[in-house]
Amino acid sequence: RIRNLDDQPVQNFTIKYSINGGPFTEENINLIIPERSVYTHTFQGINLSEVGNYEVTAVVKNNSGSDSNTANDTLRSFIRHLPNEPIVF
């Protein structure tokens, strides 16, 4: 979820993600997020189906104007996909 905490709408931003320190995959979004609203974005093509640990870094960059608070542009999340062996009766 991308929150527009400003009192003005925002349009034209870039979102990107990196998994386990790999290269960033970037998407340009050209839609309007009204003031004090939330936009939910789903990245396409992410596959975390393998058992393992994943560090996901997501970044939002406002391309349409100045961003006076860049401290809230990046999110890091740690995901652990545990093995789930079937139970045999």
Protein backbone atom coordinates (compact mmCIF):
# COMPACT_ATOMS: atom_id res chain seq x y z
CA ARG A 1 0.00 0.00 0.00
CA ILE A 2 1.21 3.44 -0.91
CA ARG A 3 -0.16 6.22 1.24
CA ASN A 4 -0.39 9.81 0.11
CA LEU A 5 -0.09 11.64 3.43
CA ASP A 6 -0.04 15.06 1.75
CA ASP A 7 -2.99 17.44 1.44
CA GLN A 8 -2.58 17.46 -2.37
CA PRO A 9 -3.11 14.63 -4.89
CA VAL A 10 -0.03 12.97 -6.33
CA GLN A 11 0.44 11.61 -9.85
CA ASN A 12 3.33 10.00 -11.71
CA PHE A 13 5.54 8.02 -9.39
CA THR A 14 7.98 5.14 -9.69
CA ILE A 15 7.91 2.05 -7.52
CA LYS A 16 10.63 -0.54 -7.45
CA TYR A 17 11.57 -3.62 -5.51
CA SER A 18 14.62 -5.77 -4.85
CA ILE A 19 14.74 -9.29 -3.45
CA ASN A 20 17.76 -10.42 -1.41
CA GLY A 21 19.89 -7.50 -2.58
CA GLY A 22 19.38 -8.27 -6.26
CA PRO A 23 18.79 -5.68 -8.98
CA PHE A 24 15.72 -3.48 -8.64
CA THR A 25 12.69 -4.10 -10.82
CA GLU A 26 11.02 -0.77 -11.58
CA GLU A 27 7.50 0.21 -12.61
CA ASN A 28 6.31 3.69 -13.56
CA ILE A 29 2.78 4.44 -12.34
CA ASN A 30 0.82 7.28 -13.88
CA LEU A 31 -2.38 7.53 -11.92
CA ILE A 32 -3.69 9.92 -9.32
CA ILE A 33 -3.64 9.13 -5.62
CA PRO A 34 -5.97 11.64 -3.97
CA GLU A 35 -4.80 13.53 -0.91
CA ARG A 36 -4.70 11.42 2.26
CA SER A 37 -5.59 8.27 0.33
CA VAL A 38 -4.09 4.82 -0.21
CA TYR A 39 -3.21 3.03 -3.45
CA THR A 40 -2.67 -0.73 -3.36
CA HIS A 41 -0.19 -2.04 -5.89
CA THR A 42 0.62 -5.64 -6.76
CA PHE A 43 4.00 -6.35 -8.31
CA GLN A 44 3.74 -8.87 -11.14
CA GLY A 45 6.15 -11.76 -11.56
CA ILE A 46 7.35 -12.19 -7.98
CA ASN A 47 7.83 -15.83 -7.04
CA LEU A 48 8.55 -16.62 -3.40
CA SER A 49 7.40 -20.24 -3.60
CA GLU A 50 10.82 -21.75 -2.84
CA VAL A 51 11.60 -22.53 0.79
CA GLY A 52 14.01 -19.92 2.10
CA ASN A 53 14.51 -16.45 3.52
CA TYR A 54 13.66 -13.37 1.51
CA GLU A 55 14.55 -9.75 2.17
CA VAL A 56 12.26 -7.55 0.08
CA THR A 57 13.01 -3.84 -0.32
CA ALA A 58 10.32 -1.63 -1.87
CA VAL A 59 10.86 2.03 -2.80
CA VAL A 60 8.45 4.75 -3.97
CA LYS A 61 9.69 7.89 -5.75
CA ASN A 62 7.41 10.82 -6.50
CA ASN A 63 8.23 12.01 -10.03
CA SER A 64 5.66 14.80 -10.22
CA GLY A 65 6.85 17.14 -7.50
CA SER A 66 9.06 17.66 -4.54
CA ASP A 67 8.98 15.21 -1.68
CA SER A 68 9.73 16.96 1.59
CA ASN A 69 9.81 13.70 3.56
CA THR A 70 11.98 11.11 1.82
CA ALA A 71 12.48 9.18 5.08
CA ASN A 72 9.25 7.25 4.46
CA ASP A 73 9.94 6.19 0.85
CA THR A 74 11.50 2.77 1.56
CA LEU A 75 10.11 -0.37 3.19
CA ARG A 76 12.12 -3.49 4.05
CA SER A 77 10.35 -6.71 4.91
CA PHE A 78 11.72 -10.10 5.83
CA ILE A 79 9.80 -13.16 4.71
CA ARG A 80 10.60 -16.72 5.73
CA HIS A 81 9.03 -19.49 3.66
CA LEU A 82 9.15 -22.60 5.81
CA PRO A 83 8.91 -26.17 4.51
CA ASN A 84 5.43 -27.61 4.78
CA GLU A 85 5.75 -31.35 4.33
CA PRO A 86 2.48 -33.27 4.08
CA ILE A 87 1.38 -35.26 7.11
CA VAL A 88 1.15 -38.99 6.44
CA PHE A 89 -1.50 -40.90 8.43
